[in-house]
Structures are given as C-alpha cells and as structure tokens.
Amino acid sequence: MEADSYTLHISTKPPFLEFVSELVNPNVSIIDVIEEDIVNKPVGTGPFVLKSFTPGSKLERCADYWEGASNLDSVILAFNHNYKIS
C-alpha cells in the first residue's frame, strides 16, 4: 500500500477481484495509523468530521473534502439495537 497525495495505491497478492466491492462495505475504512487512540479519536476519510464519539455522535461537514463540501451541514449517527433476551 502506498499513498501519493490524495491517491492510495493498493496491490494484493494473489489477485483479489472482489477487493473493490469490499471497499464499500460499512465495516471497511481507511484510518490514520499514527493516531494513538483510534477508538476515542477516530480519524478517517470522507465528507464529514467526527466532533465527538458518544451515542448520537454528530458528524459535521468537512469543508476541505477533496470532492468538495457536502450539501448537508451535518449528520447524526444513530444505532438501533433490537435485542431479545430470553
């Protein structure tokens, strides 16, 4: 894996044809490996910036996003867990 400005080059051995489709999986992300506390201070790529990491976390528009700023000012992360305990 090599980074060149805003371009990330990834090579696999052996060939992995499904790799591109794996990148859109919600469980896949590109993270800043230099950050020491990635759990509480996540740094990634995308059109939004995480301001706090709590239930109902608010993501604010990243004005410097490489494809241009989002049309949305912010989004809120909400998780709906329907657990049945018996």
PDB file of N, CA and C in Angstrom:
ATOM      1  N   MET A   1       0.852  -1.161   0.000  1.00  0.00           N
ATOM      2  CA  MET A   1       0.000   0.000   0.000  1.00  0.00           C
ATOM      3  C   MET A   1       0.906   1.236   0.000  1.00  0.00           C
ATOM      4  N   GLU A   2       0.599   2.183  -0.859  1.00  0.00           N
ATOM      5  CA  GLU A   2       1.346   3.435  -0.943  1.00  0.00           C
ATOM      6  C   GLU A   2       0.381   4.596  -1.114  1.00  0.00           C
ATOM      7  N   ALA A   3       0.691   5.720  -0.479  1.00  0.00           N
ATOM      8  CA  ALA A   3      -0.123   6.923  -0.616  1.00  0.00           C
ATOM      9  C   ALA A   3       0.675   7.990  -1.353  1.00  0.00           C
ATOM     10  N   ASP A   4       0.005   8.680  -2.257  1.00  0.00           N
ATOM     11  CA  ASP A   4       0.619   9.756  -3.017  1.00  0.00           C
ATOM     12  C   ASP A   4      -0.380  10.905  -3.049  1.00  0.00           C
ATOM     13  N   SER A   5      -0.196  11.881  -2.174  1.00  0.00           N
ATOM     14  CA  SER A   5      -1.116  12.997  -2.051  1.00  0.00           C
ATOM     15  C   SER A   5      -2.515  12.470  -1.709  1.00  0.00           C
ATOM     16  N   TYR A   6      -3.483  12.613  -2.599  1.00  0.00           N
ATOM     17  CA  TYR A   6      -4.837  12.134  -2.345  1.00  0.00           C
ATOM     18  C   TYR A   6      -5.121  10.783  -2.989  1.00  0.00           C
ATOM     19  N   THR A   7      -4.083  10.096  -3.461  1.00  0.00           N
ATOM     20  CA  THR A   7      -4.268   8.810  -4.132  1.00  0.00           C
ATOM     21  C   THR A   7      -3.667   7.694  -3.293  1.00  0.00           C
ATOM     22  N   LEU A   8      -4.426   6.633  -3.104  1.00  0.00           N
ATOM     23  CA  LEU A   8      -3.958   5.461  -2.374  1.00  0.00           C
ATOM     24  C   LEU A   8      -3.827   4.314  -3.362  1.00  0.00           C
ATOM     25  N   HIS A   9      -2.650   3.726  -3.455  1.00  0.00           N
ATOM     26  CA  HIS A   9      -2.383   2.602  -4.345  1.00  0.00           C
ATOM     27  C   HIS A   9      -2.334   1.340  -3.492  1.00  0.00           C
ATOM     28  N   ILE A  10      -3.170   0.356  -3.819  1.00  0.00           N
ATOM     29  CA  ILE A  10      -3.213  -0.906  -3.075  1.00  0.00           C
ATOM     30  C   ILE A  10      -3.005  -2.046  -4.057  1.00  0.00           C
ATOM     31  N   SER A  11      -2.049  -2.907  -3.744  1.00  0.00           N
ATOM     32  CA  SER A  11      -1.798  -4.110  -4.559  1.00  0.00           C
ATOM     33  C   SER A  11      -2.028  -5.326  -3.681  1.00  0.00           C
ATOM     34  N   THR A  12      -2.630  -6.357  -4.256  1.00  0.00           N
ATOM     35  CA  THR A  12      -2.880  -7.593  -3.492  1.00  0.00           C
ATOM     36  C   THR A  12      -2.142  -8.756  -4.134  1.00  0.00           C
ATOM     37  N   LYS A  13      -1.785  -9.715  -3.301  1.00  0.00           N
ATOM     38  CA  LYS A  13      -1.187 -10.972  -3.755  1.00  0.00           C
ATOM     39  C   LYS A  13      -1.937 -12.060  -3.035  1.00  0.00           C
ATOM     40  N   PRO A  14      -2.526 -12.975  -3.627  1.00  0.00           N
ATOM     41  CA  PRO A  14      -2.781 -13.135  -5.060  1.00  0.00           C
ATOM     42  C   PRO A  14      -3.866 -12.161  -5.521  1.00  0.00           C
ATOM     43  N   PRO A  15      -4.207 -12.168  -6.806  1.00  0.00           N
ATOM     44  CA  PRO A  15      -5.285 -11.296  -7.293  1.00  0.00           C
ATOM     45  C   PRO A  15      -6.571 -11.493  -6.482  1.00  0.00           C
ATOM     46  N   PHE A  16      -7.218 -10.403  -6.146  1.00  0.00           N
ATOM     47  CA  PHE A  16      -8.445 -10.425  -5.331  1.00  0.00           C
ATOM     48  C   PHE A  16      -9.490  -9.572  -6.042  1.00  0.00           C
ATOM     49  N   LEU A  17     -10.225 -10.198  -6.962  1.00  0.00           N
ATOM     50  CA  LEU A  17     -11.164  -9.470  -7.824  1.00  0.00           C
ATOM     51  C   LEU A  17     -12.274  -8.768  -7.049  1.00  0.00           C
ATOM     52  N   GLU A  18     -12.640  -9.300  -5.898  1.00  0.00           N
ATOM     53  CA  GLU A  18     -13.733  -8.718  -5.110  1.00  0.00           C
ATOM     54  C   GLU A  18     -13.287  -7.522  -4.279  1.00  0.00           C
ATOM     55  N   PHE A  19     -12.014  -7.180  -4.322  1.00  0.00           N
ATOM     56  CA  PHE A  19     -11.477  -6.136  -3.451  1.00  0.00           C
ATOM     57  C   PHE A  19     -12.222  -4.813  -3.587  1.00  0.00           C
ATOM     58  N   VAL A  20     -12.497  -4.378  -4.795  1.00  0.00           N
ATOM     59  CA  VAL A  20     -13.177  -3.089  -4.998  1.00  0.00           C
ATOM     60  C   VAL A  20     -14.535  -3.081  -4.308  1.00  0.00           C
ATOM     61  N   SER A  21     -15.288  -4.178  -4.427  1.00  0.00           N
ATOM     62  CA  SER A  21     -16.599  -4.220  -3.777  1.00  0.00           C
ATOM     63  C   SER A  21     -16.459  -4.258  -2.263  1.00  0.00           C
ATOM     64  N   GLU A  22     -15.361  -4.766  -1.744  1.00  0.00           N
ATOM     65  CA  GLU A  22     -15.134  -4.788  -0.298  1.00  0.00           C
ATOM     66  C   GLU A  22     -14.941  -3.376   0.252  1.00  0.00           C
ATOM     67  N   LEU A  23     -14.441  -2.459  -0.551  1.00  0.00           N
ATOM     68  CA  LEU A  23     -14.200  -1.095  -0.085  1.00  0.00           C
ATOM     69  C   LEU A  23     -15.487  -0.335   0.240  1.00  0.00           C
ATOM     70  N   VAL A  24     -16.616  -0.757  -0.297  1.00  0.00           N
ATOM     71  CA  VAL A  24     -17.877  -0.088   0.010  1.00  0.00           C
ATOM     72  C   VAL A  24     -18.604  -0.720   1.191  1.00  0.00           C
ATOM     73  N   ASN A  25     -18.034  -1.768   1.752  1.00  0.00           N
ATOM     74  CA  ASN A  25     -18.603  -2.407   2.940  1.00  0.00           C
ATOM     75  C   ASN A  25     -18.510  -1.430   4.109  1.00  0.00           C
ATOM     76  N   PRO A  26     -19.596  -1.239   4.891  1.00  0.00           N
ATOM     77  CA  PRO A  26     -19.559  -0.289   6.009  1.00  0.00           C
ATOM     78  C   PRO A  26     -18.515  -0.639   7.072  1.00  0.00           C
ATOM     79  N   ASN A  27     -18.064  -1.883   7.100  1.00  0.00           N
ATOM     80  CA  ASN A  27     -17.071  -2.280   8.097  1.00  0.00           C
ATOM     81  C   ASN A  27     -15.639  -2.051   7.636  1.00  0.00           C
ATOM     82  N   VAL A  28     -15.459  -1.513   6.452  1.00  0.00           N
ATOM     83  CA  VAL A  28     -14.129  -1.250   5.910  1.00  0.00           C
ATOM     84  C   VAL A  28     -13.878   0.257   5.950  1.00  0.00           C
ATOM     85  N   SER A  29     -12.714   0.647   6.422  1.00  0.00           N
ATOM     86  CA  SER A  29     -12.387   2.069   6.445  1.00  0.00           C
ATOM     87  C   SER A  29     -10.886   2.262   6.321  1.00  0.00           C
ATOM     88  N   ILE A  30     -10.507   3.434   5.909  1.00  0.00           N
ATOM     89  CA  ILE A  30      -9.111   3.829   5.870  1.00  0.00           C
ATOM     90  C   ILE A  30      -8.901   4.730   7.073  1.00  0.00           C
ATOM     91  N   ILE A  31      -7.949   4.371   7.925  1.00  0.00           N
ATOM     92  CA  ILE A  31      -7.746   5.106   9.166  1.00  0.00           C
ATOM     93  C   ILE A  31      -6.332   5.673   9.241  1.00  0.00           C
ATOM     94  N   ASP A  32      -6.149   6.626  10.133  1.00  0.00           N
ATOM     95  CA  ASP A  32      -4.840   7.216  10.397  1.00  0.00           C
ATOM     96  C   ASP A  32      -4.112   6.330  11.404  1.00  0.00           C
ATOM     97  N   VAL A  33      -3.132   5.577  10.951  1.00  0.00           N
ATOM     98  CA  VAL A  33      -2.437   4.637  11.831  1.00  0.00           C
ATOM     99  C   VAL A  33      -1.474   5.337  12.783  1.00  0.00           C
ATOM    100  N   ILE A  34      -1.258   6.616  12.605  1.00  0.00           N
ATOM    101  CA  ILE A  34      -0.381   7.363  13.507  1.00  0.00           C
ATOM    102  C   ILE A  34      -1.124   7.747  14.790  1.00  0.00           C
ATOM    103  N   GLU A  35      -2.452   7.887  14.716  1.00  0.00           N
ATOM    104  CA  GLU A  35      -3.249   8.248  15.896  1.00  0.00           C
ATOM    105  C   GLU A  35      -3.137   7.142  16.948  1.00  0.00           C
ATOM    106  N   GLU A  36      -2.745   7.504  18.168  1.00  0.00           N
ATOM    107  CA  GLU A  36      -2.531   6.517  19.230  1.00  0.00           C
ATOM    108  C   GLU A  36      -3.826   6.034  19.876  1.00  0.00           C
ATOM    109  N   ASP A  37      -4.884   6.843  19.846  1.00  0.00           N
ATOM    110  CA  ASP A  37      -6.150   6.476  20.495  1.00  0.00           C
ATOM    111  C   ASP A  37      -7.263   6.463  19.451  1.00  0.00           C
ATOM    112  N   ILE A  38      -7.165   5.536  18.469  1.00  0.00           N
ATOM    113  CA  ILE A  38      -8.109   5.489  17.356  1.00  0.00           C
ATOM    114  C   ILE A  38      -9.541   5.196  17.809  1.00  0.00           C
ATOM    115  N   VAL A  39      -9.704   4.520  18.947  1.00  0.00           N
ATOM    116  CA  VAL A  39     -11.047   4.207  19.444  1.00  0.00           C
ATOM    117  C   VAL A  39     -11.785   5.473  19.860  1.00  0.00           C
ATOM    118  N   ASN A  40     -11.112   6.380  20.555  1.00  0.00           N
ATOM    119  CA  ASN A  40     -11.754   7.596  21.049  1.00  0.00           C
ATOM    120  C   ASN A  40     -11.509   8.816  20.171  1.00  0.00           C
ATOM    121  N   LYS A  41     -10.525   8.733  19.278  1.00  0.00           N
ATOM    122  CA  LYS A  41     -10.224   9.843  18.373  1.00  0.00           C
ATOM    123  C   LYS A  41     -10.091   9.312  16.951  1.00  0.00           C
ATOM    124  N   PRO A  42     -11.196   8.808  16.384  1.00  0.00           N
ATOM    125  CA  PRO A  42     -11.100   8.245  15.032  1.00  0.00           C
ATOM    126  C   PRO A  42     -10.796   9.318  13.991  1.00  0.00           C
ATOM    127  N   VAL A  43      -9.873   9.004  13.105  1.00  0.00           N
ATOM    128  CA  VAL A  43      -9.515   9.896  12.004  1.00  0.00           C
ATOM    129  C   VAL A  43      -9.613   9.072  10.736  1.00  0.00           C
ATOM    130  N   GLY A  44     -10.379   9.519   9.783  1.00  0.00           N
ATOM    131  CA  GLY A  44     -10.541   8.746   8.558  1.00  0.00           C
ATOM    132  C   GLY A  44     -10.628   9.650   7.352  1.00  0.00           C
ATOM    133  N   THR A  45     -11.319   9.167   6.332  1.00  0.00           N
ATOM    134  CA  THR A  45     -11.514   9.954   5.125  1.00  0.00           C
ATOM    135  C   THR A  45     -13.004  10.076   4.883  1.00  0.00           C
ATOM    136  N   GLY A  46     -13.420  11.146   4.277  1.00  0.00           N
ATOM    137  CA  GLY A  46     -14.834  11.286   3.964  1.00  0.00           C
ATOM    138  C   GLY A  46     -15.282  12.723   4.041  1.00  0.00           C
ATOM    139  N   PRO A  47     -16.535  12.963   3.674  1.00  0.00           N
ATOM    140  CA  PRO A  47     -17.055  14.326   3.602  1.00  0.00           C
ATOM    141  C   PRO A  47     -17.488  14.908   4.949  1.00  0.00           C
ATOM    142  N   PHE A  48     -17.331  14.135   6.053  1.00  0.00           N
ATOM    143  CA  PHE A  48     -17.736  14.611   7.366  1.00  0.00           C
ATOM    144  C   PHE A  48     -16.628  14.392   8.387  1.00  0.00           C
ATOM    145  N   VAL A  49     -16.633  15.201   9.449  1.00  0.00           N
ATOM    146  CA  VAL A  49     -15.653  15.133  10.519  1.00  0.00           C
ATOM    147  C   VAL A  49     -16.382  14.789  11.809  1.00  0.00           C
ATOM    148  N   LEU A  50     -15.878  13.794  12.544  1.00  0.00           N
ATOM    149  CA  LEU A  50     -16.475  13.397  13.817  1.00  0.00           C
ATOM    150  C   LEU A  50     -15.992  14.346  14.902  1.00  0.00           C
ATOM    151  N   LYS A  51     -16.913  15.085  15.529  1.00  0.00           N
ATOM    152  CA  LYS A  51     -16.556  16.051  16.560  1.00  0.00           C
ATOM    153  C   LYS A  51     -16.519  15.434  17.953  1.00  0.00           C
ATOM    154  N   SER A  52     -17.330  14.407  18.188  1.00  0.00           N
ATOM    155  CA  SER A  52     -17.322  13.703  19.472  1.00  0.00           C
ATOM    156  C   SER A  52     -17.714  12.257  19.219  1.00  0.00           C
ATOM    157  N   PHE A  53     -17.303  11.384  20.117  1.00  0.00           N
ATOM    158  CA  PHE A  53     -17.579   9.959  19.931  1.00  0.00           C
ATOM    159  C   PHE A  53     -18.436   9.467  21.090  1.00  0.00           C
ATOM    160  N   THR A  54     -19.722   9.760  21.004  1.00  0.00           N
ATOM    161  CA  THR A  54     -20.696   9.391  22.024  1.00  0.00           C
ATOM    162  C   THR A  54     -21.960   8.926  21.313  1.00  0.00           C
ATOM    163  N   PRO A  55     -22.893   8.273  22.056  1.00  0.00           N
ATOM    164  CA  PRO A  55     -24.158   7.910  21.405  1.00  0.00           C
ATOM    165  C   PRO A  55     -24.804   9.148  20.783  1.00  0.00           C
ATOM    166  N   GLY A  56     -25.273   9.016  19.560  1.00  0.00           N
ATOM    167  CA  GLY A  56     -25.849  10.158  18.856  1.00  0.00           C
ATOM    168  C   GLY A  56     -24.777  11.107  18.339  1.00  0.00           C
ATOM    169  N   SER A  57     -23.586  10.575  18.078  1.00  0.00           N
ATOM    170  CA  SER A  57     -22.463  11.409  17.624  1.00  0.00           C
ATOM    171  C   SER A  57     -22.844  12.238  16.408  1.00  0.00           C
ATOM    172  N   LYS A  58     -22.374  13.457  16.404  1.00  0.00           N
ATOM    173  CA  LYS A  58     -22.659  14.371  15.300  1.00  0.00           C
ATOM    174  C   LYS A  58     -21.434  14.475  14.399  1.00  0.00           C
ATOM    175  N   LEU A  59     -21.659  14.294  13.109  1.00  0.00           N
ATOM    176  CA  LEU A  59     -20.617  14.471  12.115  1.00  0.00           C
ATOM    177  C   LEU A  59     -20.876  15.797  11.410  1.00  0.00           C
ATOM    178  N   GLU A  60     -19.863  16.656  11.392  1.00  0.00           N
ATOM    179  CA  GLU A  60     -20.005  17.955  10.744  1.00  0.00           C
ATOM    180  C   GLU A  60     -19.334  17.942   9.377  1.00  0.00           C
ATOM    181  N   ARG A  61     -19.853  18.744   8.487  1.00  0.00           N
ATOM    182  CA  ARG A  61     -19.336  18.827   7.119  1.00  0.00           C
ATOM    183  C   ARG A  61     -17.847  19.189   7.129  1.00  0.00           C
ATOM    184  N   CYS A  62     -17.083  18.471   6.334  1.00  0.00           N
ATOM    185  CA  CYS A  62     -15.654  18.748   6.152  1.00  0.00           C
ATOM    186  C   CYS A  62     -15.513  19.683   4.959  1.00  0.00           C
ATOM    187  N   ALA A  63     -15.223  20.941   5.216  1.00  0.00           N
ATOM    188  CA  ALA A  63     -15.142  21.940   4.144  1.00  0.00           C
ATOM    189  C   ALA A  63     -14.002  21.646   3.175  1.00  0.00           C
ATOM    190  N   ASP A  64     -12.974  20.918   3.646  1.00  0.00           N
ATOM    191  CA  ASP A  64     -11.801  20.646   2.814  1.00  0.00           C
ATOM    192  C   ASP A  64     -11.846  19.287   2.140  1.00  0.00           C
ATOM    193  N   TYR A  65     -13.024  18.642   2.112  1.00  0.00           N
ATOM    194  CA  TYR A  65     -13.127  17.319   1.482  1.00  0.00           C
ATOM    195  C   TYR A  65     -12.693  17.429   0.024  1.00  0.00           C
ATOM    196  N   TRP A  66     -11.904  16.466  -0.438  1.00  0.00           N
ATOM    197  CA  TRP A  66     -11.291  16.537  -1.768  1.00  0.00           C
ATOM    198  C   TRP A  66     -12.287  16.598  -2.919  1.00  0.00           C
ATOM    199  N   GLU A  67     -13.509  16.074  -2.732  1.00  0.00           N
ATOM    200  CA  GLU A  67     -14.528  16.148  -3.794  1.00  0.00           C
ATOM    201  C   GLU A  67     -15.447  17.345  -3.619  1.00  0.00           C
ATOM    202  N   GLY A  68     -15.139  18.209  -2.685  1.00  0.00           N
ATOM    203  CA  GLY A  68     -15.983  19.358  -2.397  1.00  0.00           C
ATOM    204  C   GLY A  68     -16.862  19.084  -1.186  1.00  0.00           C
ATOM    205  N   ALA A  69     -17.266  20.124  -0.526  1.00  0.00           N
ATOM    206  CA  ALA A  69     -18.074  20.007   0.690  1.00  0.00           C
ATOM    207  C   ALA A  69     -19.438  19.389   0.382  1.00  0.00           C
ATOM    208  N   SER A  70     -19.956  18.638   1.347  1.00  0.00           N
ATOM    209  CA  SER A  70     -21.273  18.010   1.228  1.00  0.00           C
ATOM    210  C   SER A  70     -22.366  19.084   1.202  1.00  0.00           C
ATOM    211  N   ASN A  71     -23.512  18.739   0.631  1.00  0.00           N
ATOM    212  CA  ASN A  71     -24.668  19.635   0.671  1.00  0.00           C
ATOM    213  C   ASN A  71     -25.310  19.657   2.054  1.00  0.00           C
ATOM    214  N   LEU A  72     -25.021  18.638   2.876  1.00  0.00           N
ATOM    215  CA  LEU A  72     -25.555  18.580   4.234  1.00  0.00           C
ATOM    216  C   LEU A  72     -24.599  19.270   5.193  1.00  0.00           C
ATOM    217  N   ASP A  73     -25.132  20.009   6.172  1.00  0.00           N
ATOM    218  CA  ASP A  73     -24.286  20.650   7.181  1.00  0.00           C
ATOM    219  C   ASP A  73     -23.715  19.625   8.153  1.00  0.00           C
ATOM    220  N   SER A  74     -24.537  18.619   8.502  1.00  0.00           N
ATOM    221  CA  SER A  74     -24.115  17.617   9.474  1.00  0.00           C
ATOM    222  C   SER A  74     -25.000  16.390   9.372  1.00  0.00           C
ATOM    223  N   VAL A  75     -24.554  15.303   9.984  1.00  0.00           N
ATOM    224  CA  VAL A  75     -25.354  14.087  10.128  1.00  0.00           C
ATOM    225  C   VAL A  75     -25.164  13.579  11.552  1.00  0.00           C
ATOM    226  N   ILE A  76     -26.135  12.840  12.053  1.00  0.00           N
ATOM    227  CA  ILE A  76     -26.047  12.259  13.398  1.00  0.00           C
ATOM    228  C   ILE A  76     -26.057  10.754  13.267  1.00  0.00           C
ATOM    229  N   LEU A  77     -25.095  10.095  13.920  1.00  0.00           N
ATOM    230  CA  LEU A  77     -25.029   8.639  13.914  1.00  0.00           C
ATOM    231  C   LEU A  77     -26.005   8.101  14.947  1.00  0.00           C
ATOM    232  N   ALA A  78     -26.898   7.236  14.536  1.00  0.00           N
ATOM    233  CA  ALA A  78     -27.850   6.625  15.451  1.00  0.00           C
ATOM    234  C   ALA A  78     -27.848   5.124  15.207  1.00  0.00           C
ATOM    235  N   PHE A  79     -27.784   4.362  16.261  1.00  0.00           N
ATOM    236  CA  PHE A  79     -27.769   2.914  16.155  1.00  0.00           C
ATOM    237  C   PHE A  79     -29.011   2.360  16.825  1.00  0.00           C
ATOM    238  N   ASN A  80     -29.726   1.502  16.125  1.00  0.00           N
ATOM    239  CA  ASN A  80     -30.935   0.887  16.651  1.00  0.00           C
ATOM    240  C   ASN A  80     -30.664  -0.580  16.899  1.00  0.00           C
ATOM    241  N   HIS A  81     -30.547  -0.947  18.150  1.00  0.00           N
ATOM    242  CA  HIS A  81     -30.279  -2.334  18.503  1.00  0.00           C
ATOM    243  C   HIS A  81     -31.548  -2.960  19.070  1.00  0.00           C
ATOM    244  N   ASN A  82     -32.062  -3.959  18.407  1.00  0.00           N
ATOM    245  CA  ASN A  82     -33.244  -4.662  18.887  1.00  0.00           C
ATOM    246  C   ASN A  82     -32.811  -6.022  19.415  1.00  0.00           C
ATOM    247  N   TYR A  83     -32.538  -6.059  20.698  1.00  0.00           N
ATOM    248  CA  TYR A  83     -32.107  -7.297  21.318  1.00  0.00           C
ATOM    249  C   TYR A  83     -33.278  -7.985  21.992  1.00  0.00           C
ATOM    250  N   LYS A  84     -33.316  -9.287  21.860  1.00  0.00           N
ATOM    251  CA  LYS A  84     -34.336 -10.078  22.556  1.00  0.00           C
ATOM    252  C   LYS A  84     -33.598 -11.018  23.506  1.00  0.00           C
ATOM    253  N   ILE A  85     -33.807 -10.791  24.781  1.00  0.00           N
ATOM    254  CA  ILE A  85     -33.143 -11.620  25.776  1.00  0.00           C
ATOM    255  C   ILE A  85     -34.152 -12.601  26.343  1.00  0.00           C
ATOM    256  N   SER A  86     -33.788 -13.869  26.333  1.00  0.00           N
ATOM    257  CA  SER A  86     -34.721 -14.858  26.888  1.00  0.00           C
ATOM    258  C   SER A  86     -34.042 -15.702  27.934  1.00  0.00           C
TER     259      SER A  86
END
